[in-house]
PDB file of all heavy atoms in Angstrom:
ATOM      1  N   LEU A   1     -18.666   5.159  77.426  1.00  0.00           N
ATOM      2  CA  LEU A   1     -18.517   4.465  76.156  1.00  0.00           C
ATOM      3  C   LEU A   1     -19.346   5.126  75.068  1.00  0.00           C
ATOM      4  O   LEU A   1     -20.477   5.555  75.307  1.00  0.00           O
ATOM      5  CB  LEU A   1     -18.959   3.012  76.283  1.00  0.00           C
ATOM      6  CG  LEU A   1     -17.957   2.025  76.892  1.00  0.00           C
ATOM      7  CD1 LEU A   1     -18.661   0.743  77.294  1.00  0.00           C
ATOM      8  CD2 LEU A   1     -16.845   1.733  75.897  1.00  0.00           C
ATOM      9  N   VAL A   2     -18.776   5.158  73.870  1.00  0.00           N
ATOM     10  CA  VAL A   2     -19.494   5.575  72.675  1.00  0.00           C
ATOM     11  C   VAL A   2     -19.392   4.430  71.672  1.00  0.00           C
ATOM     12  O   VAL A   2     -18.319   3.850  71.495  1.00  0.00           O
ATOM     13  CB  VAL A   2     -18.916   6.865  72.081  1.00  0.00           C
ATOM     14  CG1 VAL A   2     -19.643   7.218  70.777  1.00  0.00           C
ATOM     15  CG2 VAL A   2     -19.052   8.013  73.066  1.00  0.00           C
ATOM     16  N   TYR A   3     -20.511   4.124  71.038  1.00  0.00           N
ATOM     17  CA  TYR A   3     -20.570   3.010  70.106  1.00  0.00           C
ATOM     18  C   TYR A   3     -20.844   3.509  68.690  1.00  0.00           C
ATOM     19  O   TYR A   3     -21.463   4.555  68.496  1.00  0.00           O
ATOM     20  CB  TYR A   3     -21.683   2.038  70.489  1.00  0.00           C
ATOM     21  CG  TYR A   3     -21.571   1.465  71.871  1.00  0.00           C
ATOM     22  CD1 TYR A   3     -22.382   1.927  72.902  1.00  0.00           C
ATOM     23  CD2 TYR A   3     -20.664   0.450  72.153  1.00  0.00           C
ATOM     24  CE1 TYR A   3     -22.296   1.391  74.180  1.00  0.00           C
ATOM     25  CE2 TYR A   3     -20.566  -0.089  73.429  1.00  0.00           C
ATOM     26  CZ  TYR A   3     -21.384   0.389  74.431  1.00  0.00           C
ATOM     27  OH  TYR A   3     -21.300  -0.149  75.692  1.00  0.00           O
ATOM     28  N   LEU A   4     -20.416   2.705  67.747  1.00  0.00           N
ATOM     29  CA  LEU A   4     -20.811   2.907  66.355  1.00  0.00           C
ATOM     30  C   LEU A   4     -21.283   1.558  65.844  1.00  0.00           C
ATOM     31  O   LEU A   4     -20.484   0.650  65.615  1.00  0.00           O
ATOM     32  CB  LEU A   4     -19.655   3.428  65.497  1.00  0.00           C
ATOM     33  CG  LEU A   4     -20.033   3.756  64.054  1.00  0.00           C
ATOM     34  CD1 LEU A   4     -20.991   4.962  64.019  1.00  0.00           C
ATOM     35  CD2 LEU A   4     -18.800   4.041  63.209  1.00  0.00           C
ATOM     36  N   GLU A   5     -22.595   1.444  65.720  1.00  0.00           N
ATOM     37  CA  GLU A   5     -23.193   0.232  65.173  1.00  0.00           C
ATOM     38  C   GLU A   5     -23.245   0.381  63.659  1.00  0.00           C
ATOM     39  O   GLU A   5     -23.854   1.317  63.147  1.00  0.00           O
ATOM     40  CB  GLU A   5     -24.610   0.043  65.719  1.00  0.00           C
ATOM     41  CG  GLU A   5     -24.685  -0.136  67.215  1.00  0.00           C
ATOM     42  CD  GLU A   5     -24.577  -1.602  67.634  1.00  0.00           C
ATOM     43  OE1 GLU A   5     -24.370  -2.464  66.755  1.00  0.00           O
ATOM     44  OE2 GLU A   5     -24.690  -1.885  68.831  1.00  0.00           O
ATOM     45  N   MET A   6     -22.615  -0.546  62.976  1.00  0.00           N
ATOM     46  CA  MET A   6     -22.540  -0.473  61.524  1.00  0.00           C
ATOM     47  C   MET A   6     -23.240  -1.693  60.929  1.00  0.00           C
ATOM     48  O   MET A   6     -22.931  -2.826  61.308  1.00  0.00           O
ATOM     49  CB  MET A   6     -21.082  -0.429  61.069  1.00  0.00           C
ATOM     50  CG  MET A   6     -20.277   0.686  61.705  1.00  0.00           C
ATOM     51  SD  MET A   6     -18.580   0.772  61.095  1.00  0.00           S
ATOM     52  CE  MET A   6     -17.918  -0.758  61.769  1.00  0.00           C
ATOM     53  N   SER A   7     -24.156  -1.466  60.026  1.00  0.00           N
ATOM     54  CA  SER A   7     -24.850  -2.564  59.371  1.00  0.00           C
ATOM     55  C   SER A   7     -24.865  -2.315  57.864  1.00  0.00           C
ATOM     56  O   SER A   7     -24.515  -1.234  57.395  1.00  0.00           O
ATOM     57  CB  SER A   7     -26.276  -2.687  59.908  1.00  0.00           C
ATOM     58  OG  SER A   7     -27.012  -1.515  59.645  1.00  0.00           O
ATOM     59  N   SER A   8     -25.286  -3.338  57.133  1.00  0.00           N
ATOM     60  CA  SER A   8     -25.297  -3.261  55.665  1.00  0.00           C
ATOM     61  C   SER A   8     -23.962  -2.739  55.147  1.00  0.00           C
ATOM     62  O   SER A   8     -23.912  -1.866  54.274  1.00  0.00           O
ATOM     63  CB  SER A   8     -26.443  -2.369  55.187  1.00  0.00           C
ATOM     64  OG  SER A   8     -27.688  -2.844  55.641  1.00  0.00           O
ATOM     65  N   LEU A   9     -22.909  -3.272  55.693  1.00  0.00           N
ATOM     66  CA  LEU A   9     -21.576  -2.778  55.347  1.00  0.00           C
ATOM     67  C   LEU A   9     -21.237  -3.043  53.898  1.00  0.00           C
ATOM     68  O   LEU A   9     -21.630  -4.065  53.319  1.00  0.00           O
ATOM     69  CB  LEU A   9     -20.534  -3.410  56.280  1.00  0.00           C
ATOM     70  CG  LEU A   9     -20.489  -2.790  57.675  1.00  0.00           C
ATOM     71  CD1 LEU A   9     -19.799  -3.721  58.662  1.00  0.00           C
ATOM     72  CD2 LEU A   9     -19.782  -1.442  57.632  1.00  0.00           C
ATOM     73  N   LYS A  10     -20.499  -2.101  53.341  1.00  0.00           N
ATOM     74  CA  LYS A  10     -20.087  -2.164  51.942  1.00  0.00           C
ATOM     75  C   LYS A  10     -18.562  -2.155  51.866  1.00  0.00           C
ATOM     76  O   LYS A  10     -17.899  -1.637  52.778  1.00  0.00           O
ATOM     77  CB  LYS A  10     -20.634  -0.947  51.195  1.00  0.00           C
ATOM     78  CG  LYS A  10     -22.131  -0.760  51.298  1.00  0.00           C
ATOM     79  CD  LYS A  10     -22.563   0.539  50.641  1.00  0.00           C
ATOM     80  CE  LYS A  10     -24.060   0.765  50.781  1.00  0.00           C
ATOM     81  NZ  LYS A  10     -24.488   2.043  50.155  1.00  0.00           N
ATOM     82  N   PRO A  11     -18.009  -2.645  50.793  1.00  0.00           N
ATOM     83  CA  PRO A  11     -16.543  -2.610  50.656  1.00  0.00           C
ATOM     84  C   PRO A  11     -15.977  -1.199  50.807  1.00  0.00           C
ATOM     85  O   PRO A  11     -14.879  -1.027  51.341  1.00  0.00           O
ATOM     86  CB  PRO A  11     -16.321  -3.166  49.252  1.00  0.00           C
ATOM     87  CG  PRO A  11     -17.459  -4.106  49.045  1.00  0.00           C
ATOM     88  CD  PRO A  11     -18.627  -3.434  49.711  1.00  0.00           C
ATOM     89  N   GLU A  12     -16.736  -0.207  50.375  1.00  0.00           N
ATOM     90  CA  GLU A  12     -16.249   1.167  50.479  1.00  0.00           C
ATOM     91  C   GLU A  12     -16.251   1.698  51.911  1.00  0.00           C
ATOM     92  O   GLU A  12     -15.782   2.808  52.156  1.00  0.00           O
ATOM     93  CB  GLU A  12     -17.058   2.106  49.572  1.00  0.00           C
ATOM     94  CG  GLU A  12     -18.557   1.992  49.738  1.00  0.00           C
ATOM     95  CD  GLU A  12     -19.194   1.100  48.681  1.00  0.00           C
ATOM     96  OE1 GLU A  12     -18.631  -0.002  48.404  1.00  0.00           O
ATOM     97  OE2 GLU A  12     -20.257   1.487  48.153  1.00  0.00           O
ATOM     98  N   ASP A  13     -16.772   0.925  52.847  1.00  0.00           N
ATOM     99  CA  ASP A  13     -16.679   1.299  54.256  1.00  0.00           C
ATOM    100  C   ASP A  13     -15.338   0.880  54.863  1.00  0.00           C
ATOM    101  O   ASP A  13     -15.045   1.221  56.010  1.00  0.00           O
ATOM    102  CB  ASP A  13     -17.805   0.654  55.065  1.00  0.00           C
ATOM    103  CG  ASP A  13     -19.177   1.184  54.689  1.00  0.00           C
ATOM    104  OD1 ASP A  13     -19.313   2.412  54.512  1.00  0.00           O
ATOM    105  OD2 ASP A  13     -20.113   0.366  54.581  1.00  0.00           O
ATOM    106  N   THR A  14     -14.560   0.157  54.102  1.00  0.00           N
ATOM    107  CA  THR A  14     -13.247  -0.265  54.577  1.00  0.00           C
ATOM    108  C   THR A  14     -12.381   0.942  54.874  1.00  0.00           C
ATOM    109  O   THR A  14     -12.206   1.820  54.027  1.00  0.00           O
ATOM    110  CB  THR A  14     -12.558  -1.150  53.525  1.00  0.00           C
ATOM    111  OG1 THR A  14     -13.304  -2.366  53.377  1.00  0.00           O
ATOM    112  CG2 THR A  14     -11.131  -1.477  53.935  1.00  0.00           C
ATOM    113  N   ALA A  15     -11.870   0.985  56.093  1.00  0.00           N
ATOM    114  CA  ALA A  15     -11.075   2.136  56.526  1.00  0.00           C
ATOM    115  C   ALA A  15     -10.566   1.883  57.937  1.00  0.00           C
ATOM    116  O   ALA A  15     -11.016   0.952  58.616  1.00  0.00           O
ATOM    117  CB  ALA A  15     -11.909   3.410  56.497  1.00  0.00           C
ATOM    118  N   VAL A  16      -9.673   2.738  58.357  1.00  0.00           N
ATOM    119  CA  VAL A  16      -9.322   2.805  59.774  1.00  0.00           C
ATOM    120  C   VAL A  16     -10.286   3.786  60.418  1.00  0.00           C
ATOM    121  O   VAL A  16     -10.432   4.924  59.945  1.00  0.00           O
ATOM    122  CB  VAL A  16      -7.868   3.260  59.973  1.00  0.00           C
ATOM    123  CG1 VAL A  16      -7.556   3.380  61.456  1.00  0.00           C
ATOM    124  CG2 VAL A  16      -6.907   2.275  59.310  1.00  0.00           C
ATOM    125  N   TYR A  17     -10.943   3.336  61.453  1.00  0.00           N
ATOM    126  CA  TYR A  17     -11.929   4.162  62.144  1.00  0.00           C
ATOM    127  C   TYR A  17     -11.313   4.723  63.433  1.00  0.00           C
ATOM    128  O   TYR A  17     -10.702   3.981  64.214  1.00  0.00           O
ATOM    129  CB  TYR A  17     -13.171   3.340  62.462  1.00  0.00           C
ATOM    130  CG  TYR A  17     -14.041   3.112  61.251  1.00  0.00           C
ATOM    131  CD1 TYR A  17     -13.620   2.268  60.216  1.00  0.00           C
ATOM    132  CD2 TYR A  17     -15.259   3.762  61.109  1.00  0.00           C
ATOM    133  CE1 TYR A  17     -14.400   2.077  59.079  1.00  0.00           C
ATOM    134  CE2 TYR A  17     -16.045   3.577  59.985  1.00  0.00           C
ATOM    135  CZ  TYR A  17     -15.608   2.732  58.971  1.00  0.00           C
ATOM    136  OH  TYR A  17     -16.376   2.549  57.846  1.00  0.00           O
ATOM    137  N   TYR A  18     -11.525   6.018  63.628  1.00  0.00           N
ATOM    138  CA  TYR A  18     -10.968   6.713  64.771  1.00  0.00           C
ATOM    139  C   TYR A  18     -12.080   7.300  65.627  1.00  0.00           C
ATOM    140  O   TYR A  18     -13.076   7.813  65.116  1.00  0.00           O
ATOM    141  CB  TYR A  18     -10.059   7.850  64.324  1.00  0.00           C
ATOM    142  CG  TYR A  18      -8.847   7.429  63.530  1.00  0.00           C
ATOM    143  CD1 TYR A  18      -8.911   7.322  62.146  1.00  0.00           C
ATOM    144  CD2 TYR A  18      -7.642   7.148  64.168  1.00  0.00           C
ATOM    145  CE1 TYR A  18      -7.797   6.942  61.412  1.00  0.00           C
ATOM    146  CE2 TYR A  18      -6.526   6.763  63.435  1.00  0.00           C
ATOM    147  CZ  TYR A  18      -6.614   6.659  62.070  1.00  0.00           C
ATOM    148  OH  TYR A  18      -5.516   6.275  61.346  1.00  0.00           O
ATOM    149  N   CYS A  19     -11.851   7.256  66.909  1.00  0.00           N
ATOM    150  CA  CYS A  19     -12.736   7.901  67.857  1.00  0.00           C
ATOM    151  C   CYS A  19     -12.147   9.270  68.192  1.00  0.00           C
ATOM    152  O   CYS A  19     -10.918   9.394  68.319  1.00  0.00           O
ATOM    153  CB  CYS A  19     -12.832   7.030  69.102  1.00  0.00           C
ATOM    154  SG  CYS A  19     -13.850   7.689  70.419  1.00  0.00           S
ATOM    155  N   SER A  20     -13.000  10.267  68.333  1.00  0.00           N
ATOM    156  CA  SER A  20     -12.516  11.596  68.666  1.00  0.00           C
ATOM    157  C   SER A  20     -13.378  12.218  69.751  1.00  0.00           C
ATOM    158  O   SER A  20     -14.537  11.855  69.928  1.00  0.00           O
ATOM    159  CB  SER A  20     -12.509  12.499  67.438  1.00  0.00           C
ATOM    160  OG  SER A  20     -13.828  12.915  67.129  1.00  0.00           O
ATOM    161  N   ALA A  21     -12.773  13.175  70.439  1.00  0.00           N
ATOM    162  CA  ALA A  21     -13.485  13.936  71.459  1.00  0.00           C
ATOM    163  C   ALA A  21     -13.145  15.399  71.309  1.00  0.00           C
ATOM    164  O   ALA A  21     -11.970  15.751  71.216  1.00  0.00           O
ATOM    165  CB  ALA A  21     -13.111  13.438  72.854  1.00  0.00           C
ATOM    166  N   LEU A  22     -14.160  16.234  71.258  1.00  0.00           N
ATOM    167  CA  LEU A  22     -13.963  17.679  71.230  1.00  0.00           C
ATOM    168  C   LEU A  22     -14.293  18.216  72.613  1.00  0.00           C
ATOM    169  O   LEU A  22     -15.440  18.136  73.069  1.00  0.00           O
ATOM    170  CB  LEU A  22     -14.870  18.320  70.185  1.00  0.00           C
ATOM    171  CG  LEU A  22     -14.870  19.853  70.137  1.00  0.00           C
ATOM    172  CD1 LEU A  22     -13.465  20.377  69.843  1.00  0.00           C
ATOM    173  CD2 LEU A  22     -15.871  20.363  69.115  1.00  0.00           C
ATOM    174  N   ARG A  23     -13.278  18.756  73.269  1.00  0.00           N
ATOM    175  CA  ARG A  23     -13.447  19.234  74.636  1.00  0.00           C
ATOM    176  C   ARG A  23     -12.688  20.534  74.811  1.00  0.00           C
ATOM    177  O   ARG A  23     -11.489  20.580  74.549  1.00  0.00           O
ATOM    178  CB  ARG A  23     -12.926  18.182  75.626  1.00  0.00           C
ATOM    179  CG  ARG A  23     -13.150  18.521  77.098  1.00  0.00           C
ATOM    180  CD  ARG A  23     -12.377  17.568  77.959  1.00  0.00           C
ATOM    181  NE  ARG A  23     -12.785  17.610  79.355  1.00  0.00           N
ATOM    182  CZ  ARG A  23     -11.990  17.249  80.359  1.00  0.00           C
ATOM    183  NH1 ARG A  23     -10.780  16.803  80.121  1.00  0.00           N
ATOM    184  NH2 ARG A  23     -12.428  17.308  81.596  1.00  0.00           N
ATOM    185  N   GLY A  24     -13.382  21.552  75.181  1.00  0.00           N
ATOM    186  CA  GLY A  24     -12.729  22.834  75.418  1.00  0.00           C
ATOM    187  C   GLY A  24     -12.007  23.376  74.201  1.00  0.00           C
ATOM    188  O   GLY A  24     -10.966  24.026  74.332  1.00  0.00           O
ATOM    189  N   GLY A  25     -12.544  23.094  73.019  1.00  0.00           N
ATOM    190  CA  GLY A  25     -11.936  23.599  71.798  1.00  0.00           C
ATOM    191  C   GLY A  25     -10.793  22.769  71.265  1.00  0.00           C
ATOM    192  O   GLY A  25     -10.195  23.110  70.241  1.00  0.00           O
ATOM    193  N   THR A  26     -10.477  21.681  71.931  1.00  0.00           N
ATOM    194  CA  THR A  26      -9.383  20.816  71.521  1.00  0.00           C
ATOM    195  C   THR A  26      -9.922  19.452  71.108  1.00  0.00           C
ATOM    196  O   THR A  26     -10.770  18.892  71.801  1.00  0.00           O
ATOM    197  CB  THR A  26      -8.369  20.635  72.662  1.00  0.00           C
ATOM    198  OG1 THR A  26      -7.824  21.909  73.013  1.00  0.00           O
ATOM    199  CG2 THR A  26      -7.221  19.716  72.238  1.00  0.00           C
ATOM    200  N   TYR A  27      -9.395  18.946  69.991  1.00  0.00           N
ATOM    201  CA  TYR A  27      -9.734  17.603  69.551  1.00  0.00           C
ATOM    202  C   TYR A  27      -8.724  16.605  70.111  1.00  0.00           C
ATOM    203  O   TYR A  27      -7.520  16.824  70.058  1.00  0.00           O
ATOM    204  CB  TYR A  27      -9.721  17.508  68.024  1.00  0.00           C
ATOM    205  CG  TYR A  27     -10.985  18.008  67.372  1.00  0.00           C
ATOM    206  CD1 TYR A  27     -11.085  19.321  66.915  1.00  0.00           C
ATOM    207  CD2 TYR A  27     -12.088  17.173  67.219  1.00  0.00           C
ATOM    208  CE1 TYR A  27     -12.252  19.777  66.315  1.00  0.00           C
ATOM    209  CE2 TYR A  27     -13.255  17.626  66.623  1.00  0.00           C
ATOM    210  CZ  TYR A  27     -13.335  18.931  66.172  1.00  0.00           C
ATOM    211  OH  TYR A  27     -14.491  19.383  65.584  1.00  0.00           O
ATOM    212  N   TYR A  28      -9.256  15.529  70.618  1.00  0.00           N
ATOM    213  CA  TYR A  28      -8.436  14.416  71.080  1.00  0.00           C
ATOM    214  C   TYR A  28      -8.768  13.204  70.224  1.00  0.00           C
ATOM    215  O   TYR A  28      -9.916  13.020  69.815  1.00  0.00           O
ATOM    216  CB  TYR A  28      -8.715  14.108  72.561  1.00  0.00           C
ATOM    217  CG  TYR A  28      -8.389  15.259  73.476  1.00  0.00           C
ATOM    218  CD1 TYR A  28      -9.347  16.235  73.765  1.00  0.00           C
ATOM    219  CD2 TYR A  28      -7.128  15.382  74.049  1.00  0.00           C
ATOM    220  CE1 TYR A  28      -9.045  17.300  74.598  1.00  0.00           C
ATOM    221  CE2 TYR A  28      -6.822  16.441  74.889  1.00  0.00           C
ATOM    222  CZ  TYR A  28      -7.794  17.398  75.152  1.00  0.00           C
ATOM    223  OH  TYR A  28      -7.497  18.447  75.968  1.00  0.00           O
ATOM    224  N   TRP A  29      -7.749  12.404  69.960  1.00  0.00           N
ATOM    225  CA  TRP A  29      -7.926  11.254  69.082  1.00  0.00           C
ATOM    226  C   TRP A  29      -7.415   9.989  69.741  1.00  0.00           C
ATOM    227  O   TRP A  29      -6.382  10.006  70.421  1.00  0.00           O
ATOM    228  CB  TRP A  29      -7.169  11.475  67.774  1.00  0.00           C
ATOM    229  CG  TRP A  29      -7.649  12.657  67.009  1.00  0.00           C
ATOM    230  CD1 TRP A  29      -7.209  13.935  67.105  1.00  0.00           C
ATOM    231  CD2 TRP A  29      -8.699  12.660  66.037  1.00  0.00           C
ATOM    232  NE1 TRP A  29      -7.911  14.756  66.254  1.00  0.00           N
ATOM    233  CE2 TRP A  29      -8.830  13.999  65.577  1.00  0.00           C
ATOM    234  CE3 TRP A  29      -9.538  11.682  65.489  1.00  0.00           C
ATOM    235  CZ2 TRP A  29      -9.763  14.372  64.617  1.00  0.00           C
ATOM    236  CZ3 TRP A  29     -10.465  12.053  64.533  1.00  0.00           C
ATOM    237  CH2 TRP A  29     -10.569  13.385  64.105  1.00  0.00           C
ATOM    238  N   GLY A  30      -8.118   8.905  69.454  1.00  0.00           N
ATOM    239  CA  GLY A  30      -7.629   7.612  69.862  1.00  0.00           C
ATOM    240  C   GLY A  30      -6.907   6.949  68.703  1.00  0.00           C
ATOM    241  O   GLY A  30      -6.942   7.441  67.571  1.00  0.00           O
ATOM    242  N   LYS A  31      -6.259   5.837  68.986  1.00  0.00           N
ATOM    243  CA  LYS A  31      -5.679   5.057  67.910  1.00  0.00           C
ATOM    244  C   LYS A  31      -6.813   4.408  67.132  1.00  0.00           C
ATOM    245  O   LYS A  31      -7.849   4.082  67.686  1.00  0.00           O
ATOM    246  CB  LYS A  31      -4.736   3.990  68.466  1.00  0.00           C
ATOM    247  CG  LYS A  31      -3.485   4.563  69.097  1.00  0.00           C
ATOM    248  CD  LYS A  31      -2.557   3.457  69.568  1.00  0.00           C
ATOM    249  CE  LYS A  31      -1.290   4.059  70.180  1.00  0.00           C
ATOM    250  NZ  LYS A  31      -0.363   2.998  70.662  1.00  0.00           N
ATOM    251  N   GLY A  32      -6.618   4.251  65.873  1.00  0.00           N
ATOM    252  CA  GLY A  32      -7.665   3.729  65.027  1.00  0.00           C
ATOM    253  C   GLY A  32      -7.850   2.229  65.144  1.00  0.00           C
ATOM    254  O   GLY A  32      -6.994   1.499  65.635  1.00  0.00           O
ATOM    255  N   THR A  33      -8.997   1.795  64.665  1.00  0.00           N
ATOM    256  CA  THR A  33      -9.284   0.366  64.575  1.00  0.00           C
ATOM    257  C   THR A  33      -9.701   0.077  63.133  1.00  0.00           C
ATOM    258  O   THR A  33     -10.524   0.787  62.565  1.00  0.00           O
ATOM    259  CB  THR A  33     -10.359  -0.045  65.596  1.00  0.00           C
ATOM    260  OG1 THR A  33     -10.551  -1.459  65.565  1.00  0.00           O
ATOM    261  CG2 THR A  33     -11.692   0.644  65.360  1.00  0.00           C
ATOM    262  N   LEU A  34      -9.093  -0.960  62.580  1.00  0.00           N
ATOM    263  CA  LEU A  34      -9.286  -1.244  61.159  1.00  0.00           C
ATOM    264  C   LEU A  34     -10.555  -2.043  60.922  1.00  0.00           C
ATOM    265  O   LEU A  34     -10.772  -3.084  61.556  1.00  0.00           O
ATOM    266  CB  LEU A  34      -8.080  -2.011  60.613  1.00  0.00           C
ATOM    267  CG  LEU A  34      -8.150  -2.464  59.151  1.00  0.00           C
ATOM    268  CD1 LEU A  34      -8.243  -1.258  58.221  1.00  0.00           C
ATOM    269  CD2 LEU A  34      -6.926  -3.316  58.819  1.00  0.00           C
TER     270      LEU A  34
END
């Protein structure tokens, strides 16, 4: 598991957040979470 703890959130932080993995020179992406 990898976490992103977000605090003091601002309206400009609104976005779809994506998790990524760089492995062997290739990027892998998960589906985003809003």
